[in-house]
Amino acid sequence: MGDAHLTVEGIGKSFAVKGGEPIDAVRDINFDVQGNEFCILLGPSGCGKSTILRMIAGLETPTAGQMILGGQTITGPDRDRGMVFQNYTSFDWLTVEQNVEYGMRINKVPEAERKELTREYIELVHLTKFREAYPRQLSGGMKQRVAIARTLANQPSLLLMDEPFGALDAETRWSMQELMLSIMASTGTTVVMVTHDIEEALFLGDRIIFISRHPGTVLEEIPVDYRKGQDIVRKEDAVTSPGYAELERHIISLMRSQAHVLA
């Protein structure tokens, strides 16, 4: 694709093994992500999805290939990328407001701007009434909303999410998924997200990068065509859309083909 916001080119990652040959976690990973796109990394357990995401974040160094974000080669962590993890990462001793403000304070954002952005992003994730609450007083879904607001308040050009809703119950999960679509529509943020959940991938993704079993490589790039030209923001509208069921069957088949080899 032309004018990609993120380019992942020939990325590989090997881990040293004491007394043995290095083990490839992922090999020859290639894909692009366009601006304002919601890109999903999907594949069987242990295929290296999170390793790929951590390399994009700059938290791990690839042993082959390169990654380019906004025309600049990724060489390590930077504020142009924000990451939301599965585990809750709020500071227990800070309020919601203080947690969201924290990164901007570290980055020396002027106080007036910091306060305004904090207010905007807390409102965006529907936590205005809880701005003075502490994480221990919040549900799991609320804690993840704090993490999303804190990350977006730093205005990264790329939001990275590593199974951010995996620990939530089913009802909270789809509510959070709907919220993410609303946030995307409001902010135009570019997202790369790891998930093991096929329904989640189909509901959120504009495009799915399906990673093969270990050592992971790109098995297939799957455009989520049922979404094109439609403003789908509710889970029930997604699953009843023409083309959804066929796409789901295809991805289940891919997942089964990879799981069969592991059996």
C-alpha atoms as a PDB file:
ATOM      1  CA  MET A   1       0.000   0.000   0.000  1.00  0.00           C
ATOM      2  CA  GLY A   2       1.200   3.550  -0.653  1.00  0.00           C
ATOM      3  CA  ASP A   3       1.670   6.246   1.981  1.00  0.00           C
ATOM      4  CA  ALA A   4       1.545   3.802   4.890  1.00  0.00           C
ATOM      5  CA  HIS A   5       1.570   5.271   8.388  1.00  0.00           C
ATOM      6  CA  LEU A   6       3.426   2.198   9.672  1.00  0.00           C
ATOM      7  CA  THR A   7       5.534  -0.197   7.612  1.00  0.00           C
ATOM      8  CA  VAL A   8       6.724  -3.503   9.059  1.00  0.00           C
ATOM      9  CA  GLU A   9       9.307  -4.909   6.672  1.00  0.00           C
ATOM     10  CA  GLY A  10      10.977  -8.315   6.963  1.00  0.00           C
ATOM     11  CA  ILE A  11      10.834  -8.327  10.755  1.00  0.00           C
ATOM     12  CA  GLY A  12      12.225 -11.326  12.585  1.00  0.00           C
ATOM     13  CA  LYS A  13      12.957 -12.063  16.217  1.00  0.00           C
ATOM     14  CA  SER A  14      15.183 -14.835  17.531  1.00  0.00           C
ATOM     15  CA  PHE A  15      15.848 -15.780  21.141  1.00  0.00           C
ATOM     16  CA  ALA A  16      19.081 -17.320  22.339  1.00  0.00           C
ATOM     17  CA  VAL A  17      18.855 -20.721  24.003  1.00  0.00           C
ATOM     18  CA  LYS A  18      21.616 -21.792  26.363  1.00  0.00           C
ATOM     19  CA  GLY A  19      23.512 -24.690  24.831  1.00  0.00           C
ATOM     20  CA  GLY A  20      21.386 -24.752  21.684  1.00  0.00           C
ATOM     21  CA  GLU A  21      20.502 -23.016  18.457  1.00  0.00           C
ATOM     22  CA  PRO A  22      18.573 -19.713  18.613  1.00  0.00           C
ATOM     23  CA  ILE A  23      14.790 -20.077  18.327  1.00  0.00           C
ATOM     24  CA  ASP A  24      12.829 -17.933  15.866  1.00  0.00           C
ATOM     25  CA  ALA A  25       9.759 -16.412  17.524  1.00  0.00           C
ATOM     26  CA  VAL A  26       8.631 -14.670  14.333  1.00  0.00           C
ATOM     27  CA  ARG A  27      10.111 -14.660  10.835  1.00  0.00           C
ATOM     28  CA  ASP A  28       9.834 -12.340   7.806  1.00  0.00           C
ATOM     29  CA  ILE A  29       6.832 -10.323   9.025  1.00  0.00           C
ATOM     30  CA  ASN A  30       5.608  -7.837   6.411  1.00  0.00           C
ATOM     31  CA  PHE A  31       2.560  -5.556   6.538  1.00  0.00           C
ATOM     32  CA  ASP A  32       1.529  -1.901   6.314  1.00  0.00           C
ATOM     33  CA  VAL A  33      -0.925   0.065   8.426  1.00  0.00           C
ATOM     34  CA  GLN A  34      -2.675   3.085   6.946  1.00  0.00           C
ATOM     35  CA  GLY A  35      -3.498   6.244   8.875  1.00  0.00           C
ATOM     36  CA  ASN A  36      -6.769   6.005  10.870  1.00  0.00           C
ATOM     37  CA  GLU A  37      -6.861   2.241  10.330  1.00  0.00           C
ATOM     38  CA  PHE A  38      -7.752  -0.296  13.018  1.00  0.00           C
ATOM     39  CA  CYS A  39      -5.388  -3.171  12.286  1.00  0.00           C
ATOM     40  CA  ILE A  40      -5.729  -6.484  14.132  1.00  0.00           C
ATOM     41  CA  LEU A  41      -2.989  -9.059  14.739  1.00  0.00           C
ATOM     42  CA  LEU A  42      -4.729 -12.422  15.095  1.00  0.00           C
ATOM     43  CA  GLY A  43      -3.440 -15.979  15.280  1.00  0.00           C
ATOM     44  CA  PRO A  44      -3.072 -19.078  17.443  1.00  0.00           C
ATOM     45  CA  SER A  45      -1.613 -18.953  20.933  1.00  0.00           C
ATOM     46  CA  GLY A  46       2.174 -18.668  20.923  1.00  0.00           C
ATOM     47  CA  CYS A  47       2.463 -17.415  17.332  1.00  0.00           C
ATOM     48  CA  GLY A  48       4.332 -14.236  18.307  1.00  0.00           C
ATOM     49  CA  LYS A  49       1.569 -11.605  18.066  1.00  0.00           C
ATOM     50  CA  SER A  50       2.620  -9.836  21.260  1.00  0.00           C
ATOM     51  CA  THR A  51       6.282 -10.052  20.278  1.00  0.00           C
ATOM     52  CA  ILE A  52       5.480  -8.190  17.054  1.00  0.00           C
ATOM     53  CA  LEU A  53       3.545  -5.538  18.995  1.00  0.00           C
ATOM     54  CA  ARG A  54       6.373  -5.102  21.513  1.00  0.00           C
ATOM     55  CA  MET A  55       8.855  -4.597  18.679  1.00  0.00           C
ATOM     56  CA  ILE A  56       6.616  -1.913  17.149  1.00  0.00           C
ATOM     57  CA  ALA A  57       6.476  -0.301  20.601  1.00  0.00           C
ATOM     58  CA  GLY A  58      10.273  -0.395  20.796  1.00  0.00           C
ATOM     59  CA  LEU A  59      10.208  -2.601  23.891  1.00  0.00           C
ATOM     60  CA  GLU A  60      12.043  -5.391  22.050  1.00  0.00           C
ATOM     61  CA  THR A  61      14.634  -5.173  19.289  1.00  0.00           C
ATOM     62  CA  PRO A  62      14.125  -7.192  16.085  1.00  0.00           C
ATOM     63  CA  THR A  63      16.950  -9.411  14.916  1.00  0.00           C
ATOM     64  CA  ALA A  64      16.026  -8.776  11.266  1.00  0.00           C
ATOM     65  CA  GLY A  65      14.109  -6.206   9.240  1.00  0.00           C
ATOM     66  CA  GLN A  66      12.933  -2.709  10.016  1.00  0.00           C
ATOM     67  CA  MET A  67       9.837  -0.780  11.070  1.00  0.00           C
ATOM     68  CA  ILE A  68       9.043   2.721   9.860  1.00  0.00           C
ATOM     69  CA  LEU A  69       6.477   4.980  11.520  1.00  0.00           C
ATOM     70  CA  GLY A  70       5.600   8.299   9.928  1.00  0.00           C
ATOM     71  CA  GLY A  71       8.753   8.153   7.813  1.00  0.00           C
ATOM     72  CA  GLN A  72      11.067   7.490  10.785  1.00  0.00           C
ATOM     73  CA  THR A  73      12.739   4.169  11.592  1.00  0.00           C
ATOM     74  CA  ILE A  74      11.681   2.739  14.955  1.00  0.00           C
ATOM     75  CA  THR A  75      14.758   2.230  17.123  1.00  0.00           C
ATOM     76  CA  GLY A  76      13.217   2.178  20.599  1.00  0.00           C
ATOM     77  CA  PRO A  77      10.332   3.489  22.713  1.00  0.00           C
ATOM     78  CA  ASP A  78       9.027   6.953  21.892  1.00  0.00           C
ATOM     79  CA  ARG A  79       6.050   9.105  22.823  1.00  0.00           C
ATOM     80  CA  ASP A  80       4.760   8.781  19.232  1.00  0.00           C
ATOM     81  CA  ARG A  81       3.537   5.322  20.295  1.00  0.00           C
ATOM     82  CA  GLY A  82       1.231   4.594  23.218  1.00  0.00           C
ATOM     83  CA  MET A  83       0.518   1.113  24.569  1.00  0.00           C
ATOM     84  CA  VAL A  84      -2.412  -0.358  26.482  1.00  0.00           C
ATOM     85  CA  PHE A  85      -1.766  -3.735  28.116  1.00  0.00           C
ATOM     86  CA  GLN A  86      -4.133  -6.474  29.267  1.00  0.00           C
ATOM     87  CA  ASN A  87      -3.162  -5.977  32.900  1.00  0.00           C
ATOM     88  CA  TYR A  88      -4.366  -2.837  34.656  1.00  0.00           C
ATOM     89  CA  THR A  89      -1.520  -0.315  34.798  1.00  0.00           C
ATOM     90  CA  SER A  90      -3.001   2.627  36.713  1.00  0.00           C
ATOM     91  CA  PHE A  91      -1.143   3.961  39.728  1.00  0.00           C
ATOM     92  CA  ASP A  92      -3.154   2.921  42.797  1.00  0.00           C
ATOM     93  CA  TRP A  93      -2.221   6.058  44.775  1.00  0.00           C
ATOM     94  CA  LEU A  94      -3.417   8.485  42.076  1.00  0.00           C
ATOM     95  CA  THR A  95      -6.975   9.453  41.199  1.00  0.00           C
ATOM     96  CA  VAL A  96      -8.423   8.902  37.724  1.00  0.00           C
ATOM     97  CA  GLU A  97      -7.661  12.530  36.898  1.00  0.00           C
ATOM     98  CA  GLN A  98      -4.092  12.285  38.185  1.00  0.00           C
ATOM     99  CA  ASN A  99      -3.500   9.030  36.315  1.00  0.00           C
ATOM    100  CA  VAL A 100      -4.655  10.509  33.001  1.00  0.00           C
ATOM    101  CA  GLU A 101      -2.553  13.618  33.596  1.00  0.00           C
ATOM    102  CA  TYR A 102       0.580  11.713  34.640  1.00  0.00           C
ATOM    103  CA  GLY A 103       2.251  11.192  31.263  1.00  0.00           C
ATOM    104  CA  MET A 104       1.637  14.771  30.187  1.00  0.00           C
ATOM    105  CA  ARG A 105       3.151  16.015  33.441  1.00  0.00           C
ATOM    106  CA  ILE A 106       6.284  13.902  32.825  1.00  0.00           C
ATOM    107  CA  ASN A 107       6.456  15.283  29.267  1.00  0.00           C
ATOM    108  CA  LYS A 108       6.212  18.841  30.643  1.00  0.00           C
ATOM    109  CA  VAL A 109       2.976  19.742  28.871  1.00  0.00           C
ATOM    110  CA  PRO A 110       1.953  23.231  30.100  1.00  0.00           C
ATOM    111  CA  GLU A 111      -0.507  23.055  32.984  1.00  0.00           C
ATOM    112  CA  ALA A 112      -3.456  24.739  31.259  1.00  0.00           C
ATOM    113  CA  GLU A 113      -3.176  22.455  28.217  1.00  0.00           C
ATOM    114  CA  ARG A 114      -2.646  19.438  30.466  1.00  0.00           C
ATOM    115  CA  LYS A 115      -5.776  20.129  32.481  1.00  0.00           C
ATOM    116  CA  GLU A 116      -7.887  20.664  29.369  1.00  0.00           C
ATOM    117  CA  LEU A 117      -6.669  17.469  27.692  1.00  0.00           C
ATOM    118  CA  THR A 118      -7.232  15.523  30.903  1.00  0.00           C
ATOM    119  CA  ARG A 119     -10.815  16.763  31.049  1.00  0.00           C
ATOM    120  CA  GLU A 120     -11.425  15.952  27.368  1.00  0.00           C
ATOM    121  CA  TYR A 121     -10.103  12.396  27.522  1.00  0.00           C
ATOM    122  CA  ILE A 122     -11.811  11.542  30.789  1.00  0.00           C
ATOM    123  CA  GLU A 123     -15.047  12.710  29.176  1.00  0.00           C
ATOM    124  CA  LEU A 124     -14.238  10.699  26.034  1.00  0.00           C
ATOM    125  CA  VAL A 125     -14.113   7.447  28.049  1.00  0.00           C
ATOM    126  CA  HIS A 126     -17.209   8.375  30.084  1.00  0.00           C
ATOM    127  CA  LEU A 127     -15.485   8.680  33.469  1.00  0.00           C
ATOM    128  CA  THR A 128     -16.230  12.316  34.325  1.00  0.00           C
ATOM    129  CA  LYS A 129     -18.206  11.330  37.438  1.00  0.00           C
ATOM    130  CA  PHE A 130     -15.282   9.220  38.622  1.00  0.00           C
ATOM    131  CA  ARG A 131     -12.437  11.667  38.010  1.00  0.00           C
ATOM    132  CA  GLU A 132     -11.664  11.879  41.768  1.00  0.00           C
ATOM    133  CA  ALA A 133     -11.943   8.110  42.345  1.00  0.00           C
ATOM    134  CA  TYR A 134      -8.972   5.801  42.917  1.00  0.00           C
ATOM    135  CA  PRO A 135      -8.365   2.638  40.837  1.00  0.00           C
ATOM    136  CA  ARG A 136      -9.345   0.374  43.755  1.00  0.00           C
ATOM    137  CA  GLN A 137     -12.824   1.910  43.579  1.00  0.00           C
ATOM    138  CA  LEU A 138     -13.274   1.087  39.881  1.00  0.00           C
ATOM    139  CA  SER A 139     -14.413  -1.985  37.963  1.00  0.00           C
ATOM    140  CA  GLY A 140     -12.088  -3.749  35.529  1.00  0.00           C
ATOM    141  CA  GLY A 141     -13.665  -2.053  32.542  1.00  0.00           C
ATOM    142  CA  MET A 142     -13.330   1.355  34.176  1.00  0.00           C
ATOM    143  CA  LYS A 143      -9.656   0.717  34.912  1.00  0.00           C
ATOM    144  CA  GLN A 144      -9.058  -0.031  31.238  1.00  0.00           C
ATOM    145  CA  ARG A 145     -10.887   3.154  30.300  1.00  0.00           C
ATOM    146  CA  VAL A 146      -8.455   5.050  32.525  1.00  0.00           C
ATOM    147  CA  ALA A 147      -5.528   3.359  30.739  1.00  0.00           C
ATOM    148  CA  ILE A 148      -6.964   4.234  27.325  1.00  0.00           C
ATOM    149  CA  ALA A 149      -7.583   7.862  28.328  1.00  0.00           C
ATOM    150  CA  ARG A 150      -4.092   8.204  29.825  1.00  0.00           C
ATOM    151  CA  THR A 151      -2.496   6.789  26.682  1.00  0.00           C
ATOM    152  CA  LEU A 152      -4.539   8.880  24.247  1.00  0.00           C
ATOM    153  CA  ALA A 153      -3.984  12.062  26.271  1.00  0.00           C
ATOM    154  CA  ASN A 154      -0.328  11.873  25.231  1.00  0.00           C
ATOM    155  CA  GLN A 155      -1.600  12.086  21.639  1.00  0.00           C
ATOM    156  CA  PRO A 156       0.439   9.248  20.107  1.00  0.00           C
ATOM    157  CA  SER A 157       0.371   8.833  16.355  1.00  0.00           C
ATOM    158  CA  LEU A 158      -0.052   5.076  16.891  1.00  0.00           C
ATOM    159  CA  LEU A 159      -2.001   3.299  19.638  1.00  0.00           C
ATOM    160  CA  LEU A 160      -0.855  -0.257  20.424  1.00  0.00           C
ATOM    161  CA  MET A 161      -3.154  -2.591  22.366  1.00  0.00           C
ATOM    162  CA  ASP A 162      -2.197  -6.039  23.667  1.00  0.00           C
ATOM    163  CA  GLU A 163      -5.400  -7.993  24.368  1.00  0.00           C
ATOM    164  CA  PRO A 164      -6.717  -5.033  26.384  1.00  0.00           C
ATOM    165  CA  PHE A 165     -10.145  -6.571  27.043  1.00  0.00           C
ATOM    166  CA  GLY A 166      -9.068 -10.181  27.546  1.00  0.00           C
ATOM    167  CA  ALA A 167      -9.553 -10.143  31.332  1.00  0.00           C
ATOM    168  CA  LEU A 168     -13.062  -8.663  31.202  1.00  0.00           C
ATOM    169  CA  ASP A 169     -16.378 -10.500  31.369  1.00  0.00           C
ATOM    170  CA  ALA A 170     -18.294 -10.868  28.104  1.00  0.00           C
ATOM    171  CA  GLU A 171     -20.764  -8.010  28.652  1.00  0.00           C
ATOM    172  CA  THR A 172     -18.064  -5.542  29.711  1.00  0.00           C
ATOM    173  CA  ARG A 173     -15.864  -6.655  26.819  1.00  0.00           C
ATOM    174  CA  TRP A 174     -18.347  -5.859  24.080  1.00  0.00           C
ATOM    175  CA  SER A 175     -19.236  -2.569  25.784  1.00  0.00           C
ATOM    176  CA  MET A 176     -15.542  -1.667  25.734  1.00  0.00           C
ATOM    177  CA  GLN A 177     -15.294  -2.706  22.092  1.00  0.00           C
ATOM    178  CA  GLU A 178     -18.168  -0.387  21.214  1.00  0.00           C
ATOM    179  CA  LEU A 179     -16.485   2.392  23.178  1.00  0.00           C
ATOM    180  CA  MET A 180     -13.262   1.864  21.209  1.00  0.00           C
ATOM    181  CA  LEU A 181     -15.118   2.312  17.915  1.00  0.00           C
ATOM    182  CA  SER A 182     -16.602   5.535  19.280  1.00  0.00           C
ATOM    183  CA  ILE A 183     -13.158   6.749  20.346  1.00  0.00           C
ATOM    184  CA  MET A 184     -11.720   5.904  16.936  1.00  0.00           C
ATOM    185  CA  ALA A 185     -14.462   7.908  15.242  1.00  0.00           C
ATOM    186  CA  SER A 186     -13.799  10.878  17.562  1.00  0.00           C
ATOM    187  CA  THR A 187      -9.990  10.925  17.454  1.00  0.00           C
ATOM    188  CA  GLY A 188      -9.007   9.333  14.133  1.00  0.00           C
ATOM    189  CA  THR A 189      -6.307   7.403  15.972  1.00  0.00           C
ATOM    190  CA  THR A 190      -4.409   4.641  14.160  1.00  0.00           C
ATOM    191  CA  VAL A 191      -4.514   1.367  16.117  1.00  0.00           C
ATOM    192  CA  VAL A 192      -2.671  -1.947  16.015  1.00  0.00           C
ATOM    193  CA  MET A 193      -4.226  -4.446  18.388  1.00  0.00           C
ATOM    194  CA  VAL A 194      -3.412  -8.024  19.356  1.00  0.00           C
ATOM    195  CA  THR A 195      -6.300 -10.349  20.128  1.00  0.00           C
ATOM    196  CA  HIS A 196      -6.989 -14.079  20.204  1.00  0.00           C
ATOM    197  CA  ASP A 197     -10.743 -13.466  19.918  1.00  0.00           C
ATOM    198  CA  ILE A 198     -12.144 -13.895  16.390  1.00  0.00           C
ATOM    199  CA  GLU A 199     -15.385 -12.032  17.139  1.00  0.00           C
ATOM    200  CA  GLU A 200     -13.429  -9.116  18.576  1.00  0.00           C
ATOM    201  CA  ALA A 201     -11.175  -9.013  15.527  1.00  0.00           C
ATOM    202  CA  LEU A 202     -14.168  -8.958  13.175  1.00  0.00           C
ATOM    203  CA  PHE A 203     -16.038  -6.302  15.161  1.00  0.00           C
ATOM    204  CA  LEU A 204     -13.146  -3.861  15.605  1.00  0.00           C
ATOM    205  CA  GLY A 205     -10.812  -4.442  12.685  1.00  0.00           C
ATOM    206  CA  ASP A 206     -10.649  -2.721   9.331  1.00  0.00           C
ATOM    207  CA  ARG A 207      -8.050  -5.329   8.399  1.00  0.00           C
ATOM    208  CA  ILE A 208      -6.786  -8.513  10.041  1.00  0.00           C
ATOM    209  CA  ILE A 209      -3.195  -9.713   9.801  1.00  0.00           C
ATOM    210  CA  PHE A 210      -3.404 -13.455  10.464  1.00  0.00           C
ATOM    211  CA  ILE A 211      -0.174 -14.829  11.936  1.00  0.00           C
ATOM    212  CA  SER A 212       0.733 -18.489  11.452  1.00  0.00           C
ATOM    213  CA  ARG A 213       1.783 -20.909  14.145  1.00  0.00           C
ATOM    214  CA  HIS A 214       5.305 -20.692  15.555  1.00  0.00           C
ATOM    215  CA  PRO A 215       7.552 -19.401  14.122  1.00  0.00           C
ATOM    216  CA  GLY A 216       5.021 -16.737  13.267  1.00  0.00           C
ATOM    217  CA  THR A 217       4.786 -15.235   9.821  1.00  0.00           C
ATOM    218  CA  VAL A 218       1.962 -13.506   7.949  1.00  0.00           C
ATOM    219  CA  LEU A 219      -0.286 -16.283   6.684  1.00  0.00           C
ATOM    220  CA  GLU A 220      -2.942 -13.979   5.232  1.00  0.00           C
ATOM    221  CA  GLU A 221      -4.035 -10.332   5.196  1.00  0.00           C
ATOM    222  CA  ILE A 222      -7.814 -10.180   5.484  1.00  0.00           C
ATOM    223  CA  PRO A 223      -9.789  -7.019   4.693  1.00  0.00           C
ATOM    224  CA  VAL A 224     -12.937  -6.800   6.812  1.00  0.00           C
ATOM    225  CA  ASP A 225     -15.137  -6.109   3.808  1.00  0.00           C
ATOM    226  CA  TYR A 226     -18.505  -6.314   5.557  1.00  0.00           C
ATOM    227  CA  ARG A 227     -17.678  -3.011   7.328  1.00  0.00           C
ATOM    228  CA  LYS A 228     -16.950  -1.046   4.156  1.00  0.00           C
ATOM    229  CA  GLY A 229     -19.362   1.803   3.587  1.00  0.00           C
ATOM    230  CA  GLN A 230     -21.172   1.077   6.852  1.00  0.00           C
ATOM    231  CA  ASP A 231     -21.051   2.834  10.200  1.00  0.00           C
ATOM    232  CA  ILE A 232     -21.277  -0.237  12.427  1.00  0.00           C
ATOM    233  CA  VAL A 233     -20.897   0.590  16.120  1.00  0.00           C
ATOM    234  CA  ARG A 234     -23.107  -2.046  17.809  1.00  0.00           C
ATOM    235  CA  LYS A 235     -22.144  -5.678  18.212  1.00  0.00           C
ATOM    236  CA  GLU A 236     -25.536  -7.023  17.115  1.00  0.00           C
ATOM    237  CA  ASP A 237     -25.370  -4.979  13.892  1.00  0.00           C
ATOM    238  CA  ALA A 238     -21.971  -6.476  13.103  1.00  0.00           C
ATOM    239  CA  VAL A 239     -22.884 -10.131  13.545  1.00  0.00           C
ATOM    240  CA  THR A 240     -26.025  -9.767  11.428  1.00  0.00           C
ATOM    241  CA  SER A 241     -24.311  -7.875   8.577  1.00  0.00           C
ATOM    242  CA  PRO A 242     -24.078  -9.548   5.142  1.00  0.00           C
ATOM    243  CA  GLY A 243     -20.671 -11.117   4.743  1.00  0.00           C
ATOM    244  CA  TYR A 244     -19.893 -11.365   8.474  1.00  0.00           C
ATOM    245  CA  ALA A 245     -20.690 -15.074   8.823  1.00  0.00           C
ATOM    246  CA  GLU A 246     -18.672 -16.039   5.738  1.00  0.00           C
ATOM    247  CA  LEU A 247     -15.653 -14.092   6.984  1.00  0.00           C
ATOM    248  CA  GLU A 248     -15.962 -15.638  10.427  1.00  0.00           C
ATOM    249  CA  ARG A 249     -16.044 -19.154   8.908  1.00  0.00           C
ATOM    250  CA  HIS A 250     -12.936 -18.384   6.864  1.00  0.00           C
ATOM    251  CA  ILE A 251     -10.981 -17.199   9.897  1.00  0.00           C
ATOM    252  CA  ILE A 252     -12.132 -20.140  12.011  1.00  0.00           C
ATOM    253  CA  SER A 253     -10.856 -22.392   9.240  1.00  0.00           C
ATOM    254  CA  LEU A 254      -7.491 -20.631   9.283  1.00  0.00           C
ATOM    255  CA  MET A 255      -7.296 -20.912  13.063  1.00  0.00           C
ATOM    256  CA  ARG A 256      -8.234 -24.591  12.944  1.00  0.00           C
ATOM    257  CA  SER A 257      -5.585 -25.298  10.293  1.00  0.00           C
ATOM    258  CA  GLN A 258      -2.907 -23.833  12.543  1.00  0.00           C
ATOM    259  CA  ALA A 259      -4.201 -25.472  15.720  1.00  0.00           C
ATOM    260  CA  HIS A 260      -4.315 -28.861  13.940  1.00  0.00           C
ATOM    261  CA  VAL A 261      -0.586 -28.705  13.289  1.00  0.00           C
ATOM    262  CA  LEU A 262       0.010 -28.006  16.989  1.00  0.00           C
ATOM    263  CA  ALA A 263      -2.118 -30.939  18.140  1.00  0.00           C
END
